[in-house]
Amino acid sequence: FDSKLYGIFKSQIDESMFERPVHKTIYTYIKDSYAKGEKVSNTGLIGILETEDDIKEAYGILALDIQSDDTSKAVSDYITQIKDTAGPEKAYELLKQGKITLEEFNKMLSNKG
């Protein structure tokens, strides 16, 4: 996908939101591609992953992009999903970083109860 989407959403997301190392690797690859002004390459992304499980995970994420008619909405929905599944410690961290509002923080905590 076009790394310009990262530019649109970079204020809402950062590496600390991802719990799994493979997701952090994917995020870093996208962020670095954006910084270089390069398009995200599926083969480039797959090439930096180390395990078969990581590659399968990446293919699953890449498939989400292909299935969507509105890539921007798909990214927004993915960010929302990450935020909604964060635990209380992660939610507090996101609130401190200004990545979520107090209302979103309270919603995340109420979803855990």
Protein backbone atom coordinates (compact mmCIF):
# COMPACT_ATOMS: atom_id res chain seq x y z
CA PHE A 1 0.00 0.00 0.00
CA ASP A 2 0.97 3.62 -0.28
CA SER A 3 3.11 4.69 2.68
CA LYS A 4 1.42 8.11 2.50
CA LEU A 5 -1.33 6.57 4.61
CA TYR A 6 1.21 6.44 7.42
CA GLY A 7 1.49 10.22 7.13
CA ILE A 8 -2.25 10.56 7.62
CA PHE A 9 -2.39 8.32 10.69
CA LYS A 10 1.05 8.72 12.30
CA SER A 11 -0.28 10.99 15.02
CA GLN A 12 -2.68 8.24 16.13
CA ILE A 13 -0.30 5.31 16.27
CA ASP A 14 3.21 4.35 17.27
CA GLU A 15 5.28 1.27 17.95
CA SER A 16 4.30 1.14 21.63
CA MET A 17 0.74 0.19 20.62
CA PHE A 18 1.90 -3.18 19.32
CA GLU A 19 2.45 -6.05 21.72
CA ARG A 20 3.80 -8.63 19.27
CA PRO A 21 7.31 -8.23 17.84
CA VAL A 22 6.13 -9.01 14.29
CA HIS A 23 3.66 -6.12 14.44
CA LYS A 24 6.40 -3.81 15.69
CA THR A 25 8.61 -4.92 12.79
CA ILE A 26 5.83 -4.27 10.27
CA TYR A 27 5.11 -0.86 11.81
CA THR A 28 8.80 0.11 11.70
CA TYR A 29 9.08 -0.98 8.07
CA ILE A 30 6.08 1.17 7.12
CA LYS A 31 7.36 4.14 9.13
CA ASP A 32 10.82 3.89 7.55
CA SER A 33 9.32 3.59 4.05
CA TYR A 34 7.31 6.75 4.69
CA ALA A 35 10.39 8.61 5.95
CA LYS A 36 12.26 7.65 2.75
CA GLY A 37 9.29 8.58 0.55
CA GLU A 38 9.08 4.99 -0.70
CA LYS A 39 6.03 2.85 -1.35
CA VAL A 40 5.61 -0.11 0.99
CA SER A 41 6.61 -3.23 -0.90
CA ASN A 42 5.00 -6.55 0.01
CA THR A 43 8.16 -8.38 -1.00
CA GLY A 44 10.29 -5.90 0.95
CA LEU A 45 8.16 -6.44 4.02
CA ILE A 46 8.15 -10.22 3.74
CA GLY A 47 11.91 -10.14 3.15
CA ILE A 48 12.64 -8.61 6.56
CA LEU A 49 10.60 -11.13 8.54
CA GLU A 50 12.46 -13.99 10.16
CA THR A 51 9.99 -16.78 10.83
CA GLU A 52 7.29 -18.59 8.88
CA ASP A 53 4.72 -17.55 11.50
CA ASP A 54 5.70 -13.89 11.09
CA ILE A 55 5.35 -14.18 7.32
CA LYS A 56 1.89 -15.76 7.69
CA GLU A 57 0.88 -12.96 10.04
CA ALA A 58 2.08 -10.34 7.54
CA TYR A 59 0.18 -12.00 4.70
CA GLY A 60 -2.96 -11.87 6.82
CA ILE A 61 -2.49 -8.15 7.38
CA LEU A 62 -1.70 -7.53 3.71
CA ALA A 63 -4.88 -9.38 2.75
CA LEU A 64 -6.92 -6.88 4.75
CA ASP A 65 -5.58 -4.08 2.54
CA ILE A 66 -6.47 -5.97 -0.65
CA GLN A 67 -10.01 -6.70 0.53
CA SER A 68 -10.87 -3.09 1.30
CA ASP A 69 -12.35 -0.64 -1.18
CA ASP A 70 -11.35 2.23 1.11
CA THR A 71 -7.79 1.69 2.32
CA SER A 72 -7.85 4.78 4.50
CA LYS A 73 -10.93 3.50 6.35
CA ALA A 74 -9.31 0.06 6.68
CA VAL A 75 -6.25 1.61 8.37
CA SER A 76 -8.47 3.71 10.63
CA ASP A 77 -10.48 0.62 11.59
CA TYR A 78 -7.27 -1.32 12.28
CA ILE A 79 -6.00 1.45 14.59
CA THR A 80 -9.34 1.47 16.39
CA GLN A 81 -9.16 -2.31 16.81
CA ILE A 82 -5.65 -2.06 18.29
CA LYS A 83 -6.79 0.60 20.73
CA ASP A 84 -9.93 -1.34 21.70
CA THR A 85 -7.97 -4.49 22.53
CA ALA A 86 -5.28 -2.76 24.60
CA GLY A 87 -5.07 -3.68 28.26
CA PRO A 88 -5.36 -1.10 31.07
CA GLU A 89 -1.60 -0.43 31.21
CA LYS A 90 -1.41 0.07 27.45
CA ALA A 91 -4.53 2.25 27.54
CA TYR A 92 -2.97 4.48 30.19
CA GLU A 93 0.24 4.70 28.17
CA LEU A 94 -1.73 5.74 25.06
CA LEU A 95 -3.61 8.36 27.10
CA LYS A 96 -0.35 9.81 28.47
CA GLN A 97 1.09 9.98 24.94
CA GLY A 98 -2.00 11.79 23.68
CA LYS A 99 -2.83 8.95 21.27
CA ILE A 100 -6.31 8.54 22.74
CA THR A 101 -8.80 10.83 24.47
CA LEU A 102 -10.04 10.42 28.03
CA GLU A 103 -13.36 9.23 26.59
CA GLU A 104 -11.57 6.53 24.53
CA PHE A 105 -9.55 5.55 27.62
CA ASN A 106 -12.70 5.09 29.70
CA LYS A 107 -14.33 3.08 26.90
CA MET A 108 -11.28 0.81 26.69
CA LEU A 109 -11.39 0.17 30.45
CA SER A 110 -15.14 -0.51 30.43
CA ASN A 111 -14.65 -3.03 27.58
CA LYS A 112 -12.34 -5.03 29.87
CA GLY A 113 -14.85 -5.46 32.67
